[in-house]
Protein backbone atom coordinates (compact mmCIF):
# COMPACT_ATOMS: atom_id res chain seq x y z
CA UNK A 1 -22.56 2.54 -1.31
CA UNK A 2 -19.07 2.15 0.11
CA UNK A 3 -16.84 -0.30 -1.72
CA UNK A 4 -13.08 -0.72 -1.81
CA UNK A 5 -12.54 1.70 1.05
CA UNK A 6 -9.16 0.19 1.91
CA UNK A 7 -6.45 -0.88 -0.56
CA UNK A 8 -4.87 -4.05 0.83
CA UNK A 9 -2.74 -6.23 -1.45
CA UNK A 10 -3.11 -9.98 -0.92
CA UNK A 11 -0.17 -11.29 1.10
CA UNK A 12 -0.10 -14.97 2.02
CA UNK A 13 2.71 -16.96 3.58
CA UNK A 14 5.31 -14.21 3.82
CA UNK A 15 8.09 -13.97 6.39
CA UNK A 16 8.48 -10.23 5.98
CA UNK A 17 6.27 -7.58 4.38
CA UNK A 18 6.82 -3.89 3.63
CA UNK A 19 3.99 -2.02 1.83
CA UNK A 20 4.31 1.65 0.88
CA UNK A 21 2.22 4.25 -0.98
CA UNK A 22 3.74 7.30 -2.71
CA UNK A 23 2.16 10.47 -4.12
CA UNK A 24 2.93 11.83 -7.58
CA UNK A 25 6.02 13.64 -6.28
CA UNK A 26 7.46 10.41 -4.86
CA UNK A 27 6.78 11.31 -1.24
CA UNK A 28 5.87 8.36 0.95
CA UNK A 29 2.41 8.91 2.43
CA UNK A 30 1.71 5.45 3.90
CA UNK A 31 3.70 2.44 5.05
CA UNK A 32 3.07 -0.73 7.02
CA UNK A 33 4.80 -4.00 7.80
CA UNK A 34 1.50 -5.65 8.78
CA UNK A 35 -0.14 -7.45 5.82
CA UNK A 36 -3.54 -7.05 7.51
CA UNK A 37 -3.39 -3.24 7.37
CA UNK A 38 -4.22 -1.45 4.12
CA UNK A 39 -4.28 2.13 2.91
CA UNK A 40 -7.56 3.97 3.54
CA UNK A 41 -6.80 7.00 1.35
CA UNK A 42 -5.44 9.16 4.15
CA UNK A 43 -2.05 10.57 5.13
CA UNK A 44 -0.52 12.39 8.10
CA UNK A 45 -2.81 11.27 10.90
CA UNK A 46 -6.06 10.95 8.99
CA UNK A 47 -6.03 13.81 6.45
CA UNK A 48 -7.78 12.78 3.24
CA UNK A 49 -5.51 12.40 0.25
CA UNK A 50 -6.61 14.07 -2.99
CA UNK A 51 -8.20 12.02 -5.75
CA UNK A 52 -5.63 10.80 -8.25
CA UNK A 53 -3.07 8.13 -9.03
CA UNK A 54 -0.70 6.85 -6.33
CA UNK A 55 2.13 4.40 -6.78
CA UNK A 56 2.62 1.46 -4.45
CA UNK A 57 5.52 -0.87 -3.74
CA UNK A 58 5.82 -4.10 -1.79
CA UNK A 59 9.06 -5.64 -0.60
CA UNK A 60 8.64 -9.04 1.01
CA UNK A 61 10.38 -12.30 1.76
CA UNK A 62 8.62 -15.58 1.02
CA UNK A 63 8.73 -18.75 3.09
CA UNK A 64 11.62 -19.98 0.92
CA UNK A 65 13.55 -16.74 1.67
CA UNK A 66 13.03 -15.55 -1.91
CA UNK A 67 12.87 -11.75 -2.12
CA UNK A 68 9.73 -10.33 -3.72
CA UNK A 69 9.37 -6.81 -5.12
CA UNK A 70 6.10 -5.65 -6.70
CA UNK A 71 5.02 -2.20 -7.85
CA UNK A 72 1.84 -0.71 -9.26
CA UNK A 73 -0.59 2.18 -9.33
CA UNK A 74 -3.81 2.65 -7.42
CA UNK A 75 -6.34 5.34 -8.33
CA UNK A 76 -8.08 7.10 -5.46
CA UNK A 77 -11.55 8.42 -6.33
CA UNK A 78 -13.66 10.37 -3.87
């Protein structure tokens, strides 16, 4: 059973979008400006990331030009 294979935050009605994933050492391992693209648990051209906790951050601009900054943690389990 394959569930939740891609981590994609919900992003509706944004003018700009910047989504990034970081490992435990703070190194960026994924980034996208396309809200339709999520993180599939890989880094560096398809290498599988290790199981564990990864931090994420979103910087965006809403339709009213309000800046949005959200952070969190996602746990990768293999």
